[in-house]
Amino acid sequence: MPIEKKRHNRKTLTEWDEKVRYHNSYKVKNEYFKQKKMNKWYDDLKKIDSHYRNILQKLDNEEKKRLKEIERMEKEENKIKDMMNNEKKKARALVRKTNKLARQNITPRR
């Protein structure tokens, strides 16, 4: 899953970067090395990565839901505007028709 650096993800990405940077530091890595537990070090790094990837995935899903909701609302708003425009057109057509009928009933001047 590619990670997109979006504005709403920035805080999580910096937090993730700090945790990975600390975990990759000489001090932490050396402690694992001295205890001959480098496999655990790799596992911990994987846990950190998977944790933050899950968080970012949740944030992206929430953002997608929010954008879908906005899009749905815009479509609904456009639908209402179209209905209003159609009503206006019908009203104008009715006025034109009544005016035309009224003009037909008047005898022309000669």
C-alpha atoms as a PDB file:
ATOM      1  CA  MET A   1       0.000   0.000   0.000  1.00  0.00           C
ATOM      2  CA  PRO A   2       1.613   3.279  -1.040  1.00  0.00           C
ATOM      3  CA  ILE A   3       1.515   6.006   1.554  1.00  0.00           C
ATOM      4  CA  GLU A   4       0.392   9.396   0.375  1.00  0.00           C
ATOM      5  CA  LYS A   5       1.704  12.391   2.237  1.00  0.00           C
ATOM      6  CA  LYS A   6      -1.452  14.369   2.709  1.00  0.00           C
ATOM      7  CA  ARG A   7      -2.026  17.310   4.981  1.00  0.00           C
ATOM      8  CA  HIS A   8      -4.287  15.359   7.364  1.00  0.00           C
ATOM      9  CA  ASN A   9      -1.617  12.630   7.661  1.00  0.00           C
ATOM     10  CA  ARG A  10       1.306  14.916   8.407  1.00  0.00           C
ATOM     11  CA  LYS A  11       1.129  14.615  12.205  1.00  0.00           C
ATOM     12  CA  THR A  12       0.953  10.810  12.074  1.00  0.00           C
ATOM     13  CA  LEU A  13       3.769  10.630   9.535  1.00  0.00           C
ATOM     14  CA  THR A  14       6.094  12.766  11.640  1.00  0.00           C
ATOM     15  CA  GLU A  15       5.265  10.716  14.730  1.00  0.00           C
ATOM     16  CA  TRP A  16       5.987   7.519  12.804  1.00  0.00           C
ATOM     17  CA  ASP A  17       9.240   8.950  11.492  1.00  0.00           C
ATOM     18  CA  GLU A  18      10.357   9.875  15.012  1.00  0.00           C
ATOM     19  CA  LYS A  19       9.602   6.404  16.367  1.00  0.00           C
ATOM     20  CA  VAL A  20      11.459   4.692  13.517  1.00  0.00           C
ATOM     21  CA  ARG A  21      14.385   7.085  13.818  1.00  0.00           C
ATOM     22  CA  TYR A  22      14.643   6.373  17.553  1.00  0.00           C
ATOM     23  CA  HIS A  23      14.325   2.619  17.012  1.00  0.00           C
ATOM     24  CA  ASN A  24      17.048   2.760  14.343  1.00  0.00           C
ATOM     25  CA  SER A  25      19.366   4.745  16.581  1.00  0.00           C
ATOM     26  CA  TYR A  26      22.687   3.288  17.624  1.00  0.00           C
ATOM     27  CA  LYS A  27      21.686   3.238  21.276  1.00  0.00           C
ATOM     28  CA  VAL A  28      18.591   1.078  20.775  1.00  0.00           C
ATOM     29  CA  LYS A  29      20.061  -1.129  18.098  1.00  0.00           C
ATOM     30  CA  ASN A  30      23.173  -1.761  20.181  1.00  0.00           C
ATOM     31  CA  GLU A  31      21.087  -2.890  23.168  1.00  0.00           C
ATOM     32  CA  TYR A  32      19.394  -5.526  21.021  1.00  0.00           C
ATOM     33  CA  PHE A  33      22.724  -6.512  19.482  1.00  0.00           C
ATOM     34  CA  LYS A  34      24.428  -6.997  22.848  1.00  0.00           C
ATOM     35  CA  GLN A  35      21.610  -9.251  23.975  1.00  0.00           C
ATOM     36  CA  LYS A  36      21.745 -11.075  20.604  1.00  0.00           C
ATOM     37  CA  LYS A  37      18.113 -10.246  19.922  1.00  0.00           C
ATOM     38  CA  MET A  38      18.332  -8.617  16.512  1.00  0.00           C
ATOM     39  CA  ASN A  39      15.361 -10.655  15.323  1.00  0.00           C
ATOM     40  CA  LYS A  40      13.289  -9.027  18.040  1.00  0.00           C
ATOM     41  CA  TRP A  41      14.591  -5.636  16.900  1.00  0.00           C
ATOM     42  CA  TYR A  42      13.366  -6.356  13.359  1.00  0.00           C
ATOM     43  CA  ASP A  43      10.030  -7.576  14.699  1.00  0.00           C
ATOM     44  CA  ASP A  44       9.624  -4.416  16.766  1.00  0.00           C
ATOM     45  CA  LEU A  45      10.382  -2.323  13.689  1.00  0.00           C
ATOM     46  CA  LYS A  46       7.747  -4.257  11.745  1.00  0.00           C
ATOM     47  CA  LYS A  47       5.245  -3.688  14.565  1.00  0.00           C
ATOM     48  CA  ILE A  48       5.907   0.053  14.508  1.00  0.00           C
ATOM     49  CA  ASP A  49       5.486   0.142  10.733  1.00  0.00           C
ATOM     50  CA  SER A  50       2.316  -1.923  10.688  1.00  0.00           C
ATOM     51  CA  HIS A  51       0.800   0.116  13.530  1.00  0.00           C
ATOM     52  CA  TYR A  52       1.292   3.427  11.732  1.00  0.00           C
ATOM     53  CA  ARG A  53       0.275   2.003   8.368  1.00  0.00           C
ATOM     54  CA  ASN A  54      -3.013   0.890   9.923  1.00  0.00           C
ATOM     55  CA  ILE A  55      -3.546   4.334  11.413  1.00  0.00           C
ATOM     56  CA  LEU A  56      -2.875   5.975   8.047  1.00  0.00           C
ATOM     57  CA  GLN A  57      -5.197   3.557   6.300  1.00  0.00           C
ATOM     58  CA  LYS A  58      -7.985   4.402   8.763  1.00  0.00           C
ATOM     59  CA  LEU A  59      -7.384   8.123   8.229  1.00  0.00           C
ATOM     60  CA  ASP A  60      -7.512   7.682   4.461  1.00  0.00           C
ATOM     61  CA  ASN A  61     -10.733   5.692   4.697  1.00  0.00           C
ATOM     62  CA  GLU A  62     -12.314   8.395   6.848  1.00  0.00           C
ATOM     63  CA  GLU A  63     -11.183  11.045   4.356  1.00  0.00           C
ATOM     64  CA  LYS A  64     -12.663   9.065   1.464  1.00  0.00           C
ATOM     65  CA  LYS A  65     -15.968   8.717   3.330  1.00  0.00           C
ATOM     66  CA  ARG A  66     -16.003  12.447   4.017  1.00  0.00           C
ATOM     67  CA  LEU A  67     -15.309  13.253   0.354  1.00  0.00           C
ATOM     68  CA  LYS A  68     -18.028  10.840  -0.807  1.00  0.00           C
ATOM     69  CA  GLU A  69     -20.497  12.501   1.549  1.00  0.00           C
ATOM     70  CA  ILE A  70     -19.569  15.943   0.228  1.00  0.00           C
ATOM     71  CA  GLU A  71     -19.913  14.718  -3.350  1.00  0.00           C
ATOM     72  CA  ARG A  72     -23.305  13.192  -2.583  1.00  0.00           C
ATOM     73  CA  MET A  73     -24.486  16.439  -1.006  1.00  0.00           C
ATOM     74  CA  GLU A  74     -23.279  18.436  -4.034  1.00  0.00           C
ATOM     75  CA  LYS A  75     -25.157  16.096  -6.386  1.00  0.00           C
ATOM     76  CA  GLU A  76     -28.296  16.492  -4.292  1.00  0.00           C
ATOM     77  CA  GLU A  77     -27.878  20.269  -4.294  1.00  0.00           C
ATOM     78  CA  ASN A  78     -27.460  20.302  -8.086  1.00  0.00           C
ATOM     79  CA  LYS A  79     -30.537  18.120  -8.453  1.00  0.00           C
ATOM     80  CA  ILE A  80     -32.585  20.597  -6.393  1.00  0.00           C
ATOM     81  CA  LYS A  81     -31.239  23.522  -8.459  1.00  0.00           C
ATOM     82  CA  ASP A  82     -32.185  21.736 -11.671  1.00  0.00           C
ATOM     83  CA  MET A  83     -35.687  21.108 -10.337  1.00  0.00           C
ATOM     84  CA  MET A  84     -36.030  24.793  -9.419  1.00  0.00           C
ATOM     85  CA  ASN A  85     -34.808  25.858 -12.868  1.00  0.00           C
ATOM     86  CA  ASN A  86     -37.308  23.519 -14.514  1.00  0.00           C
ATOM     87  CA  GLU A  87     -40.105  25.012 -12.412  1.00  0.00           C
ATOM     88  CA  LYS A  88     -39.024  28.525 -13.422  1.00  0.00           C
ATOM     89  CA  LYS A  89     -38.983  27.505 -17.085  1.00  0.00           C
ATOM     90  CA  LYS A  90     -42.454  26.027 -16.784  1.00  0.00           C
ATOM     91  CA  ALA A  91     -43.715  29.205 -15.102  1.00  0.00           C
ATOM     92  CA  ARG A  92     -42.166  31.409 -17.818  1.00  0.00           C
ATOM     93  CA  ALA A  93     -43.648  29.196 -20.545  1.00  0.00           C
ATOM     94  CA  LEU A  94     -47.069  29.462 -18.906  1.00  0.00           C
ATOM     95  CA  VAL A  95     -46.785  33.261 -18.726  1.00  0.00           C
ATOM     96  CA  ARG A  96     -45.740  33.410 -22.406  1.00  0.00           C
ATOM     97  CA  LYS A  97     -48.642  31.174 -23.374  1.00  0.00           C
ATOM     98  CA  THR A  98     -51.178  33.264 -21.463  1.00  0.00           C
ATOM     99  CA  ASN A  99     -49.758  36.470 -22.972  1.00  0.00           C
ATOM    100  CA  LYS A 100     -49.970  34.960 -26.450  1.00  0.00           C
ATOM    101  CA  LEU A 101     -53.592  33.940 -25.894  1.00  0.00           C
ATOM    102  CA  ALA A 102     -54.395  37.389 -24.540  1.00  0.00           C
ATOM    103  CA  ARG A 103     -52.839  39.022 -27.642  1.00  0.00           C
ATOM    104  CA  GLN A 104     -54.862  36.789 -29.955  1.00  0.00           C
ATOM    105  CA  ASN A 105     -58.145  37.887 -28.389  1.00  0.00           C
ATOM    106  CA  ILE A 106     -57.434  41.577 -28.998  1.00  0.00           C
ATOM    107  CA  THR A 107     -58.637  42.854 -32.366  1.00  0.00           C
ATOM    108  CA  PRO A 108     -55.866  44.477 -34.323  1.00  0.00           C
ATOM    109  CA  ARG A 109     -56.026  48.250 -35.016  1.00  0.00           C
ATOM    110  CA  ARG A 110     -56.228  49.338 -38.646  1.00  0.00           C
END
